[in-house]
Amino acid sequence: MKPIFPLTVTEPGRADAILAAALEGLTRSAAQRWLEEGRVTLRGVPVKKNARLSPGDELLIAPPQPREVELVPQDIPLDVVYEDGDVIVVNKPVGMVVHPAPGHPDGTLVNALLYHCKNSLSGINGELRPGIVHRIDRDTSGLLIAAKNDRAHLALASQLEDHSLFRLYHAVVLGGFREDSGTVSAPIDRHPVDRKRMAVCRPGQGREAVTHWQLVDGHDGYSHITCRLETGRTHQIRVHMAHMGHPLLGDTVYGGKKPYPGLAGQCLHAAQLTFTHPTTGERMTVEAPLPDWFTAVLKKLDLA
């Protein structure tokens, strides 16, 4: 973010709620801290956290300078599924964070990529996310593509935007389905209260989100499905399935509060990735087989 940037209020509300809703990744408590520190002004006057704002109010925001984080290449084993001079596709294990963040300064996929690729990673996404074009959750396993140069990064980002980069996931969800396939088309935005969560919102709000699902097998209150993402919103599959009444097995954020025995988190694996190579123009599909922990769940629930 720029040292100081403007924000125009579009809907009436409390200052802290408006700030948290407008800035992706900013929690309401963090927004309150910024307001208490005088980082948000209206016509030159610091705004109080409980101040009521009106449409058209022009705020000036001076966010704190980010603390410098030294990215250290780390010799962490990578399951490389495909690699050339432009891109690298890895099969990320459960538990690995994609890039450094508060509470996870190292041991991330980025640290591993820096060691593996040396200085050959795109810089478009900033110093903390070199090469990263898209993300998958820490407790989701499977395929992730990274760019080795800016030209490849822009090409892949364009494919994400026009939905020509396909991602297919396998998931185990709660409940049974009456149909064999379907599509969830419901916009997603930050949860209005819990800013760490996402939620389906009313049409015209949030960002477009489309998930196509297909039933693989169902038995005794559980279903094995595949999901193809047309868009790539944060927690999209988890939010859409919970919205349908079929939260992912083991998902304690959008489903039950107790973890499922033997699972680190939600039962979700990115199994297939299809993209157009940024140099050759070749349409490519790479795959990652279901991991042992996933097949063990299928066997236990008689879904194998």
C-alpha atoms as a PDB file:
ATOM      1  CA  MET A   1       0.000   0.000   0.000  1.00  0.00           C
ATOM      2  CA  LYS A   2       1.072   3.607  -0.554  1.00  0.00           C
ATOM      3  CA  PRO A   3       2.292   5.547   2.538  1.00  0.00           C
ATOM      4  CA  ILE A   4      -0.910   7.653   2.409  1.00  0.00           C
ATOM      5  CA  PHE A   5      -3.923   6.827   0.246  1.00  0.00           C
ATOM      6  CA  PRO A   6      -7.528   8.041  -0.039  1.00  0.00           C
ATOM      7  CA  LEU A   7     -10.672   6.020   0.603  1.00  0.00           C
ATOM      8  CA  THR A   8     -14.138   7.229  -0.388  1.00  0.00           C
ATOM      9  CA  VAL A   9     -16.969   5.985   1.812  1.00  0.00           C
ATOM     10  CA  THR A  10     -19.760   4.418  -0.249  1.00  0.00           C
ATOM     11  CA  GLU A  11     -22.177   3.304   2.475  1.00  0.00           C
ATOM     12  CA  PRO A  12     -22.993   4.737   5.919  1.00  0.00           C
ATOM     13  CA  GLY A  13     -21.598   2.985   8.974  1.00  0.00           C
ATOM     14  CA  ARG A  14     -19.055   2.937  11.772  1.00  0.00           C
ATOM     15  CA  ALA A  15     -15.528   3.937  10.833  1.00  0.00           C
ATOM     16  CA  ASP A  16     -13.904   0.722  12.065  1.00  0.00           C
ATOM     17  CA  ALA A  17     -16.368  -1.486  10.193  1.00  0.00           C
ATOM     18  CA  ILE A  18     -16.012   0.520   6.983  1.00  0.00           C
ATOM     19  CA  LEU A  19     -12.224   0.401   7.122  1.00  0.00           C
ATOM     20  CA  ALA A  20     -12.116  -3.346   7.762  1.00  0.00           C
ATOM     21  CA  ALA A  21     -14.558  -4.045   4.948  1.00  0.00           C
ATOM     22  CA  ALA A  22     -12.698  -1.881   2.446  1.00  0.00           C
ATOM     23  CA  LEU A  23      -9.178  -3.225   3.013  1.00  0.00           C
ATOM     24  CA  GLU A  24      -8.697  -6.926   2.289  1.00  0.00           C
ATOM     25  CA  GLY A  25      -6.965  -8.764   5.113  1.00  0.00           C
ATOM     26  CA  LEU A  26      -7.528  -5.990   7.690  1.00  0.00           C
ATOM     27  CA  THR A  27      -9.398  -7.234  10.744  1.00  0.00           C
ATOM     28  CA  ARG A  28     -11.795  -5.017  12.639  1.00  0.00           C
ATOM     29  CA  SER A  29      -9.506  -4.971  15.676  1.00  0.00           C
ATOM     30  CA  ALA A  30      -6.597  -3.854  13.475  1.00  0.00           C
ATOM     31  CA  ALA A  31      -8.810  -1.157  11.939  1.00  0.00           C
ATOM     32  CA  GLN A  32      -9.671   0.073  15.439  1.00  0.00           C
ATOM     33  CA  ARG A  33      -5.968   0.211  16.296  1.00  0.00           C
ATOM     34  CA  TRP A  34      -5.243   2.296  13.175  1.00  0.00           C
ATOM     35  CA  LEU A  35      -8.046   4.685  14.130  1.00  0.00           C
ATOM     36  CA  GLU A  36      -6.842   4.959  17.732  1.00  0.00           C
ATOM     37  CA  GLU A  37      -3.344   5.754  16.449  1.00  0.00           C
ATOM     38  CA  GLY A  38      -4.711   8.608  14.325  1.00  0.00           C
ATOM     39  CA  ARG A  39      -3.866   6.939  11.021  1.00  0.00           C
ATOM     40  CA  VAL A  40      -7.250   7.787   9.490  1.00  0.00           C
ATOM     41  CA  THR A  41      -8.335  11.395   8.988  1.00  0.00           C
ATOM     42  CA  LEU A  42     -11.402  13.152   7.595  1.00  0.00           C
ATOM     43  CA  ARG A  43     -10.861  16.737   6.450  1.00  0.00           C
ATOM     44  CA  GLY A  44      -7.611  16.795   8.414  1.00  0.00           C
ATOM     45  CA  VAL A  45      -9.147  15.554  11.694  1.00  0.00           C
ATOM     46  CA  PRO A  46      -8.412  12.068  13.116  1.00  0.00           C
ATOM     47  CA  VAL A  47     -11.450   9.780  12.961  1.00  0.00           C
ATOM     48  CA  LYS A  48     -12.642   7.987  16.078  1.00  0.00           C
ATOM     49  CA  LYS A  49     -13.277   4.258  15.806  1.00  0.00           C
ATOM     50  CA  ASN A  50     -16.993   4.612  16.628  1.00  0.00           C
ATOM     51  CA  ALA A  51     -17.549   7.652  14.404  1.00  0.00           C
ATOM     52  CA  ARG A  52     -20.444   7.418  11.970  1.00  0.00           C
ATOM     53  CA  LEU A  53     -19.407   8.053   8.399  1.00  0.00           C
ATOM     54  CA  SER A  54     -21.547   9.031   5.423  1.00  0.00           C
ATOM     55  CA  PRO A  55     -21.358   8.237   1.691  1.00  0.00           C
ATOM     56  CA  GLY A  56     -18.953  10.613  -0.014  1.00  0.00           C
ATOM     57  CA  ASP A  57     -16.705  11.143   3.003  1.00  0.00           C
ATOM     58  CA  GLU A  58     -13.075  11.243   1.815  1.00  0.00           C
ATOM     59  CA  LEU A  59     -10.741   9.508   4.236  1.00  0.00           C
ATOM     60  CA  LEU A  60      -6.952   9.703   4.150  1.00  0.00           C
ATOM     61  CA  ILE A  61      -5.264   6.566   5.478  1.00  0.00           C
ATOM     62  CA  ALA A  62      -1.651   6.277   6.601  1.00  0.00           C
ATOM     63  CA  PRO A  63      -1.060   2.563   7.340  1.00  0.00           C
ATOM     64  CA  PRO A  64       1.898   1.544   9.496  1.00  0.00           C
ATOM     65  CA  GLN A  65       5.031   0.668   7.607  1.00  0.00           C
ATOM     66  CA  PRO A  66       5.379  -3.111   7.286  1.00  0.00           C
ATOM     67  CA  ARG A  67       8.145  -4.646   9.330  1.00  0.00           C
ATOM     68  CA  GLU A  68      10.990  -5.897   7.241  1.00  0.00           C
ATOM     69  CA  VAL A  69      11.012  -9.651   6.910  1.00  0.00           C
ATOM     70  CA  GLU A  70      14.103 -11.321   5.573  1.00  0.00           C
ATOM     71  CA  LEU A  71      13.187 -14.067   3.155  1.00  0.00           C
ATOM     72  CA  VAL A  72      15.675 -16.873   3.617  1.00  0.00           C
ATOM     73  CA  PRO A  73      15.986 -19.695   1.083  1.00  0.00           C
ATOM     74  CA  GLN A  74      15.447 -22.953   2.961  1.00  0.00           C
ATOM     75  CA  ASP A  75      16.295 -26.470   1.849  1.00  0.00           C
ATOM     76  CA  ILE A  76      12.791 -27.854   2.301  1.00  0.00           C
ATOM     77  CA  PRO A  77      11.898 -30.884   0.149  1.00  0.00           C
ATOM     78  CA  LEU A  78       9.489 -30.101  -2.687  1.00  0.00           C
ATOM     79  CA  ASP A  79       7.336 -32.528  -4.653  1.00  0.00           C
ATOM     80  CA  VAL A  80       7.888 -30.991  -8.091  1.00  0.00           C
ATOM     81  CA  VAL A  81       5.303 -32.248 -10.587  1.00  0.00           C
ATOM     82  CA  TYR A  82       6.435 -30.111 -13.541  1.00  0.00           C
ATOM     83  CA  GLU A  83       9.159 -27.534 -14.105  1.00  0.00           C
ATOM     84  CA  ASP A  84      10.753 -25.599 -16.966  1.00  0.00           C
ATOM     85  CA  GLY A  85      12.285 -22.158 -17.466  1.00  0.00           C
ATOM     86  CA  ASP A  86       8.955 -20.351 -17.041  1.00  0.00           C
ATOM     87  CA  VAL A  87       6.884 -22.197 -14.470  1.00  0.00           C
ATOM     88  CA  ILE A  88       7.090 -24.698 -11.665  1.00  0.00           C
ATOM     89  CA  VAL A  89       4.170 -26.805 -10.403  1.00  0.00           C
ATOM     90  CA  VAL A  90       4.487 -28.345  -6.946  1.00  0.00           C
ATOM     91  CA  ASN A  91       2.335 -30.734  -4.944  1.00  0.00           C
ATOM     92  CA  LYS A  92       2.031 -28.902  -1.605  1.00  0.00           C
ATOM     93  CA  PRO A  93       1.620 -31.029   1.516  1.00  0.00           C
ATOM     94  CA  VAL A  94      -0.911 -30.381   4.261  1.00  0.00           C
ATOM     95  CA  GLY A  95       0.438 -28.011   6.889  1.00  0.00           C
ATOM     96  CA  MET A  96       2.697 -25.943   4.623  1.00  0.00           C
ATOM     97  CA  VAL A  97       1.920 -22.217   4.441  1.00  0.00           C
ATOM     98  CA  VAL A  98       2.341 -20.729   0.957  1.00  0.00           C
ATOM     99  CA  HIS A  99       4.089 -17.465   1.870  1.00  0.00           C
ATOM    100  CA  PRO A 100       5.376 -15.749   5.035  1.00  0.00           C
ATOM    101  CA  ALA A 101       2.726 -14.121   7.206  1.00  0.00           C
ATOM    102  CA  PRO A 102       2.333 -13.205  10.885  1.00  0.00           C
ATOM    103  CA  GLY A 103       3.025 -16.348  12.884  1.00  0.00           C
ATOM    104  CA  HIS A 104       4.696 -18.043   9.908  1.00  0.00           C
ATOM    105  CA  PRO A 105       7.922 -16.127   9.156  1.00  0.00           C
ATOM    106  CA  ASP A 106       9.640 -19.085   7.492  1.00  0.00           C
ATOM    107  CA  GLY A 107       9.238 -22.738   6.580  1.00  0.00           C
ATOM    108  CA  THR A 108       6.845 -21.707   3.822  1.00  0.00           C
ATOM    109  CA  LEU A 109       6.540 -22.766   0.213  1.00  0.00           C
ATOM    110  CA  VAL A 110       8.163 -19.472  -0.795  1.00  0.00           C
ATOM    111  CA  ASN A 111      11.222 -20.253   1.341  1.00  0.00           C
ATOM    112  CA  ALA A 112      11.462 -23.652  -0.348  1.00  0.00           C
ATOM    113  CA  LEU A 113      11.005 -22.167  -3.832  1.00  0.00           C
ATOM    114  CA  LEU A 114      13.727 -19.583  -3.219  1.00  0.00           C
ATOM    115  CA  TYR A 115      16.169 -22.390  -2.435  1.00  0.00           C
ATOM    116  CA  HIS A 116      15.052 -24.586  -5.315  1.00  0.00           C
ATOM    117  CA  CYS A 117      14.770 -21.886  -7.997  1.00  0.00           C
ATOM    118  CA  LYS A 118      17.588 -19.625  -6.752  1.00  0.00           C
ATOM    119  CA  ASN A 119      16.953 -16.123  -8.156  1.00  0.00           C
ATOM    120  CA  SER A 120      14.524 -17.290 -10.827  1.00  0.00           C
ATOM    121  CA  LEU A 121      11.090 -16.223  -9.530  1.00  0.00           C
ATOM    122  CA  SER A 122       8.748 -13.443 -10.655  1.00  0.00           C
ATOM    123  CA  GLY A 123       8.626 -10.283  -8.570  1.00  0.00           C
ATOM    124  CA  ILE A 124       5.175  -8.954  -9.448  1.00  0.00           C
ATOM    125  CA  ASN A 125       3.554 -10.075  -6.193  1.00  0.00           C
ATOM    126  CA  GLY A 126       6.122  -8.307  -4.018  1.00  0.00           C
ATOM    127  CA  GLU A 127       9.084  -9.294  -1.917  1.00  0.00           C
ATOM    128  CA  LEU A 128       7.149 -11.615   0.390  1.00  0.00           C
ATOM    129  CA  ARG A 129       5.403 -13.557  -2.401  1.00  0.00           C
ATOM    130  CA  PRO A 130       7.947 -14.056  -5.207  1.00  0.00           C
ATOM    131  CA  GLY A 131       6.593 -16.328  -7.927  1.00  0.00           C
ATOM    132  CA  ILE A 132       3.206 -16.776  -6.269  1.00  0.00           C
ATOM    133  CA  VAL A 133       0.322 -16.508  -8.741  1.00  0.00           C
ATOM    134  CA  HIS A 134      -2.396 -18.127  -6.614  1.00  0.00           C
ATOM    135  CA  ARG A 135      -2.655 -19.754  -3.193  1.00  0.00           C
ATOM    136  CA  ILE A 136      -4.164 -22.749  -1.467  1.00  0.00           C
ATOM    137  CA  ASP A 137      -4.901 -23.010   2.246  1.00  0.00           C
ATOM    138  CA  ARG A 138      -2.330 -24.316   4.694  1.00  0.00           C
ATOM    139  CA  ASP A 139      -4.385 -27.432   5.464  1.00  0.00           C
ATOM    140  CA  THR A 140      -5.273 -28.097   1.814  1.00  0.00           C
ATOM    141  CA  SER A 141      -2.878 -30.281  -0.146  1.00  0.00           C
ATOM    142  CA  GLY A 142      -2.208 -30.374  -3.853  1.00  0.00           C
ATOM    143  CA  LEU A 143      -1.097 -28.481  -6.922  1.00  0.00           C
ATOM    144  CA  LEU A 144       0.094 -24.911  -7.022  1.00  0.00           C
ATOM    145  CA  ILE A 145       1.789 -23.192  -9.976  1.00  0.00           C
ATOM    146  CA  ALA A 146       4.461 -20.504  -9.525  1.00  0.00           C
ATOM    147  CA  ALA A 147       6.021 -18.225 -12.135  1.00  0.00           C
ATOM    148  CA  LYS A 148       9.761 -17.965 -12.700  1.00  0.00           C
ATOM    149  CA  ASN A 149       9.619 -14.611 -14.486  1.00  0.00           C
ATOM    150  CA  ASP A 150       7.299 -11.617 -14.774  1.00  0.00           C
ATOM    151  CA  ARG A 151       6.188 -12.459 -18.315  1.00  0.00           C
ATOM    152  CA  ALA A 152       5.004 -15.911 -17.226  1.00  0.00           C
ATOM    153  CA  HIS A 153       3.375 -14.423 -14.133  1.00  0.00           C
ATOM    154  CA  LEU A 154       1.326 -11.949 -16.172  1.00  0.00           C
ATOM    155  CA  ALA A 155       0.252 -14.693 -18.584  1.00  0.00           C
ATOM    156  CA  LEU A 156      -0.893 -16.995 -15.768  1.00  0.00           C
ATOM    157  CA  ALA A 157      -2.629 -14.155 -13.913  1.00  0.00           C
ATOM    158  CA  SER A 158      -4.532 -13.353 -17.111  1.00  0.00           C
ATOM    159  CA  GLN A 159      -5.655 -16.982 -17.352  1.00  0.00           C
ATOM    160  CA  LEU A 160      -6.901 -16.832 -13.765  1.00  0.00           C
ATOM    161  CA  GLU A 161      -8.834 -13.694 -14.629  1.00  0.00           C
ATOM    162  CA  ASP A 162     -10.502 -15.131 -17.749  1.00  0.00           C
ATOM    163  CA  HIS A 163     -11.073 -18.543 -16.066  1.00  0.00           C
ATOM    164  CA  SER A 164      -8.963 -20.486 -18.594  1.00  0.00           C
ATOM    165  CA  LEU A 165      -6.709 -21.790 -15.818  1.00  0.00           C
ATOM    166  CA  PHE A 166      -8.705 -24.727 -14.440  1.00  0.00           C
ATOM    167  CA  ARG A 167      -8.273 -26.303 -11.006  1.00  0.00           C
ATOM    168  CA  LEU A 168      -9.959 -29.550  -9.987  1.00  0.00           C
ATOM    169  CA  TYR A 169     -10.223 -30.511  -6.321  1.00  0.00           C
ATOM    170  CA  HIS A 170     -11.320 -33.663  -4.505  1.00  0.00           C
ATOM    171  CA  ALA A 171     -13.254 -33.206  -1.273  1.00  0.00           C
ATOM    172  CA  VAL A 172     -15.203 -35.198   1.294  1.00  0.00           C
ATOM    173  CA  VAL A 173     -18.262 -33.366   2.572  1.00  0.00           C
ATOM    174  CA  LEU A 174     -21.036 -34.030   5.056  1.00  0.00           C
ATOM    175  CA  GLY A 175     -24.425 -35.182   3.837  1.00  0.00           C
ATOM    176  CA  GLY A 176     -25.772 -36.730   0.669  1.00  0.00           C
ATOM    177  CA  PHE A 177     -26.753 -35.179  -2.685  1.00  0.00           C
ATOM    178  CA  ARG A 178     -29.956 -35.670  -4.658  1.00  0.00           C
ATOM    179  CA  GLU A 179     -28.241 -34.723  -7.931  1.00  0.00           C
ATOM    180  CA  ASP A 180     -25.041 -36.076  -9.442  1.00  0.00           C
ATOM    181  CA  SER A 181     -23.647 -32.647 -10.315  1.00  0.00           C
ATOM    182  CA  GLY A 182     -24.350 -28.959 -10.043  1.00  0.00           C
ATOM    183  CA  THR A 183     -23.003 -25.426  -9.942  1.00  0.00           C
ATOM    184  CA  VAL A 184     -22.826 -22.969  -7.065  1.00  0.00           C
ATOM    185  CA  SER A 185     -22.832 -19.381  -8.291  1.00  0.00           C
ATOM    186  CA  ALA A 186     -22.836 -17.131  -5.232  1.00  0.00           C
ATOM    187  CA  PRO A 187     -20.684 -14.040  -4.555  1.00  0.00           C
ATOM    188  CA  ILE A 188     -18.204 -14.167  -1.675  1.00  0.00           C
ATOM    189  CA  ASP A 189     -16.944 -11.412   0.603  1.00  0.00           C
ATOM    190  CA  ARG A 190     -15.444 -11.012   4.046  1.00  0.00           C
ATOM    191  CA  HIS A 191     -17.751 -12.094   6.865  1.00  0.00           C
ATOM    192  CA  PRO A 192     -19.445  -8.957   8.246  1.00  0.00           C
ATOM    193  CA  VAL A 193     -18.452  -9.800  11.838  1.00  0.00           C
ATOM    194  CA  ASP A 194     -15.555 -12.282  11.770  1.00  0.00           C
ATOM    195  CA  ARG A 195     -13.047 -10.748   9.354  1.00  0.00           C
ATOM    196  CA  LYS A 196     -10.922 -13.911   9.295  1.00  0.00           C
ATOM    197  CA  ARG A 197     -13.760 -15.781   7.597  1.00  0.00           C
ATOM    198  CA  MET A 198     -15.427 -15.443   4.221  1.00  0.00           C
ATOM    199  CA  ALA A 199     -19.165 -15.662   3.559  1.00  0.00           C
ATOM    200  CA  VAL A 200     -21.703 -15.798   0.752  1.00  0.00           C
ATOM    201  CA  CYS A 201     -23.261 -12.369   0.334  1.00  0.00           C
ATOM    202  CA  ARG A 202     -26.196 -10.848  -1.526  1.00  0.00           C
ATOM    203  CA  PRO A 203     -26.099 -10.496  -5.319  1.00  0.00           C
ATOM    204  CA  GLY A 204     -24.331  -7.301  -6.331  1.00  0.00           C
ATOM    205  CA  GLN A 205     -22.029  -7.421  -3.321  1.00  0.00           C
ATOM    206  CA  GLY A 206     -18.671  -9.119  -2.859  1.00  0.00           C
ATOM    207  CA  ARG A 207     -16.894 -10.816  -5.752  1.00  0.00           C
ATOM    208  CA  GLU A 208     -18.277 -13.299  -8.257  1.00  0.00           C
ATOM    209  CA  ALA A 209     -17.602 -16.925  -7.274  1.00  0.00           C
ATOM    210  CA  VAL A 210     -18.522 -20.035  -9.281  1.00  0.00           C
ATOM    211  CA  THR A 211     -17.868 -23.658  -8.281  1.00  0.00           C
ATOM    212  CA  HIS A 212     -18.866 -26.690 -10.387  1.00  0.00           C
ATOM    213  CA  TRP A 213     -19.224 -29.914  -8.388  1.00  0.00           C
ATOM    214  CA  GLN A 214     -19.586 -33.586  -9.366  1.00  0.00           C
ATOM    215  CA  LEU A 215     -20.543 -36.498  -7.125  1.00  0.00           C
ATOM    216  CA  VAL A 216     -18.019 -39.352  -7.091  1.00  0.00           C
ATOM    217  CA  ASP A 217     -19.566 -41.511  -4.368  1.00  0.00           C
ATOM    218  CA  GLY A 218     -21.866 -41.168  -1.385  1.00  0.00           C
ATOM    219  CA  HIS A 219     -22.480 -43.376   1.607  1.00  0.00           C
ATOM    220  CA  ASP A 220     -24.001 -43.130   5.083  1.00  0.00           C
ATOM    221  CA  GLY A 221     -24.101 -39.346   5.358  1.00  0.00           C
ATOM    222  CA  TYR A 222     -20.814 -38.567   3.617  1.00  0.00           C
ATOM    223  CA  SER A 223     -20.003 -37.726   0.001  1.00  0.00           C
ATOM    224  CA  HIS A 224     -16.860 -37.763  -2.095  1.00  0.00           C
ATOM    225  CA  ILE A 225     -17.064 -35.000  -4.704  1.00  0.00           C
ATOM    226  CA  THR A 226     -14.854 -33.147  -7.165  1.00  0.00           C
ATOM    227  CA  CYS A 227     -15.004 -29.380  -7.515  1.00  0.00           C
ATOM    228  CA  ARG A 228     -13.786 -27.353 -10.471  1.00  0.00           C
ATOM    229  CA  LEU A 229     -13.131 -23.713  -9.738  1.00  0.00           C
ATOM    230  CA  GLU A 230     -14.242 -21.200 -12.332  1.00  0.00           C
ATOM    231  CA  THR A 231     -13.118 -18.391 -10.017  1.00  0.00           C
ATOM    232  CA  GLY A 232     -10.570 -18.468  -7.218  1.00  0.00           C
ATOM    233  CA  ARG A 233     -11.848 -16.659  -4.148  1.00  0.00           C
ATOM    234  CA  THR A 234     -10.434 -17.168  -0.671  1.00  0.00           C
ATOM    235  CA  HIS A 235     -11.871 -20.362   0.885  1.00  0.00           C
ATOM    236  CA  GLN A 236     -14.247 -20.635  -2.092  1.00  0.00           C
ATOM    237  CA  ILE A 237     -14.965 -24.385  -2.015  1.00  0.00           C
ATOM    238  CA  ARG A 238     -15.259 -24.412   1.761  1.00  0.00           C
ATOM    239  CA  VAL A 239     -17.671 -21.453   1.773  1.00  0.00           C
ATOM    240  CA  HIS A 240     -19.791 -22.682  -1.146  1.00  0.00           C
ATOM    241  CA  MET A 241     -20.145 -26.218   0.200  1.00  0.00           C
ATOM    242  CA  ALA A 242     -21.075 -24.942   3.667  1.00  0.00           C
ATOM    243  CA  HIS A 243     -23.594 -22.595   2.024  1.00  0.00           C
ATOM    244  CA  MET A 244     -25.178 -25.659   0.357  1.00  0.00           C
ATOM    245  CA  GLY A 245     -25.400 -27.414   3.707  1.00  0.00           C
ATOM    246  CA  HIS A 246     -22.469 -29.737   2.938  1.00  0.00           C
ATOM    247  CA  PRO A 247     -19.444 -28.447   4.892  1.00  0.00           C
ATOM    248  CA  LEU A 248     -16.138 -30.164   4.267  1.00  0.00           C
ATOM    249  CA  LEU A 249     -15.192 -32.978   6.584  1.00  0.00           C
ATOM    250  CA  GLY A 250     -12.773 -31.652   9.213  1.00  0.00           C
ATOM    251  CA  ASP A 251     -13.457 -27.963   8.486  1.00  0.00           C
ATOM    252  CA  THR A 252     -13.760 -26.365  11.940  1.00  0.00           C
ATOM    253  CA  VAL A 253     -14.142 -22.858  10.496  1.00  0.00           C
ATOM    254  CA  TYR A 254     -17.171 -23.406   8.245  1.00  0.00           C
ATOM    255  CA  GLY A 255     -18.423 -26.741   9.587  1.00  0.00           C
ATOM    256  CA  GLY A 256     -18.341 -28.619  12.876  1.00  0.00           C
ATOM    257  CA  LYS A 257     -16.289 -27.292  15.765  1.00  0.00           C
ATOM    258  CA  LYS A 258     -14.482 -30.557  16.465  1.00  0.00           C
ATOM    259  CA  PRO A 259     -11.669 -31.751  14.166  1.00  0.00           C
ATOM    260  CA  TYR A 260     -12.091 -35.081  12.443  1.00  0.00           C
ATOM    261  CA  PRO A 261      -9.751 -37.764  13.829  1.00  0.00           C
ATOM    262  CA  GLY A 262      -6.683 -38.151  11.641  1.00  0.00           C
ATOM    263  CA  LEU A 263      -7.209 -34.897   9.723  1.00  0.00           C
ATOM    264  CA  ALA A 264      -5.174 -31.718  10.212  1.00  0.00           C
ATOM    265  CA  GLY A 265      -8.005 -29.650   8.733  1.00  0.00           C
ATOM    266  CA  GLN A 266     -10.512 -29.838   5.901  1.00  0.00           C
ATOM    267  CA  CYS A 267     -10.548 -32.891   3.611  1.00  0.00           C
ATOM    268  CA  LEU A 268      -9.559 -31.114   0.393  1.00  0.00           C
ATOM    269  CA  HIS A 269      -6.925 -31.861  -2.252  1.00  0.00           C
ATOM    270  CA  ALA A 270      -6.052 -29.915  -5.422  1.00  0.00           C
ATOM    271  CA  ALA A 271      -5.644 -32.834  -7.809  1.00  0.00           C
ATOM    272  CA  GLN A 272      -5.532 -31.308 -11.295  1.00  0.00           C
ATOM    273  CA  LEU A 273      -4.296 -28.090 -12.867  1.00  0.00           C
ATOM    274  CA  THR A 274      -4.853 -27.092 -16.507  1.00  0.00           C
ATOM    275  CA  PHE A 275      -3.209 -24.029 -18.050  1.00  0.00           C
ATOM    276  CA  THR A 276      -1.816 -22.632 -21.272  1.00  0.00           C
ATOM    277  CA  HIS A 277       1.975 -22.538 -21.250  1.00  0.00           C
ATOM    278  CA  PRO A 278       3.072 -18.870 -21.327  1.00  0.00           C
ATOM    279  CA  THR A 279       5.781 -19.479 -23.961  1.00  0.00           C
ATOM    280  CA  THR A 280       4.743 -22.425 -26.118  1.00  0.00           C
ATOM    281  CA  GLY A 281       0.992 -21.808 -26.029  1.00  0.00           C
ATOM    282  CA  GLU A 282       0.504 -25.523 -25.366  1.00  0.00           C
ATOM    283  CA  ARG A 283      -2.520 -26.509 -23.308  1.00  0.00           C
ATOM    284  CA  MET A 284      -1.171 -28.518 -20.362  1.00  0.00           C
ATOM    285  CA  THR A 285      -2.744 -30.612 -17.605  1.00  0.00           C
ATOM    286  CA  VAL A 286      -0.792 -31.801 -14.574  1.00  0.00           C
ATOM    287  CA  GLU A 287      -2.107 -34.093 -11.858  1.00  0.00           C
ATOM    288  CA  ALA A 288      -1.323 -35.060  -8.275  1.00  0.00           C
ATOM    289  CA  PRO A 289      -2.716 -38.364  -6.972  1.00  0.00           C
ATOM    290  CA  LEU A 290      -4.817 -38.432  -3.835  1.00  0.00           C
ATOM    291  CA  PRO A 291      -2.495 -38.503  -0.806  1.00  0.00           C
ATOM    292  CA  ASP A 292      -2.482 -41.434   1.592  1.00  0.00           C
ATOM    293  CA  TRP A 293      -4.367 -39.512   4.287  1.00  0.00           C
ATOM    294  CA  PHE A 294      -7.182 -38.773   1.833  1.00  0.00           C
ATOM    295  CA  THR A 295      -7.504 -42.339   0.603  1.00  0.00           C
ATOM    296  CA  ALA A 296      -7.503 -43.507   4.243  1.00  0.00           C
ATOM    297  CA  VAL A 297     -10.541 -41.293   4.907  1.00  0.00           C
ATOM    298  CA  LEU A 298     -12.295 -42.656   1.806  1.00  0.00           C
ATOM    299  CA  LYS A 299     -11.666 -46.203   2.963  1.00  0.00           C
ATOM    300  CA  LYS A 300     -12.821 -45.514   6.498  1.00  0.00           C
ATOM    301  CA  LEU A 301     -16.092 -43.964   5.246  1.00  0.00           C
ATOM    302  CA  ASP A 302     -16.608 -46.681   2.634  1.00  0.00           C
ATOM    303  CA  LEU A 303     -16.230 -44.157  -0.187  1.00  0.00           C
ATOM    304  CA  ALA A 304     -13.206 -45.766  -1.845  1.00  0.00           C
END
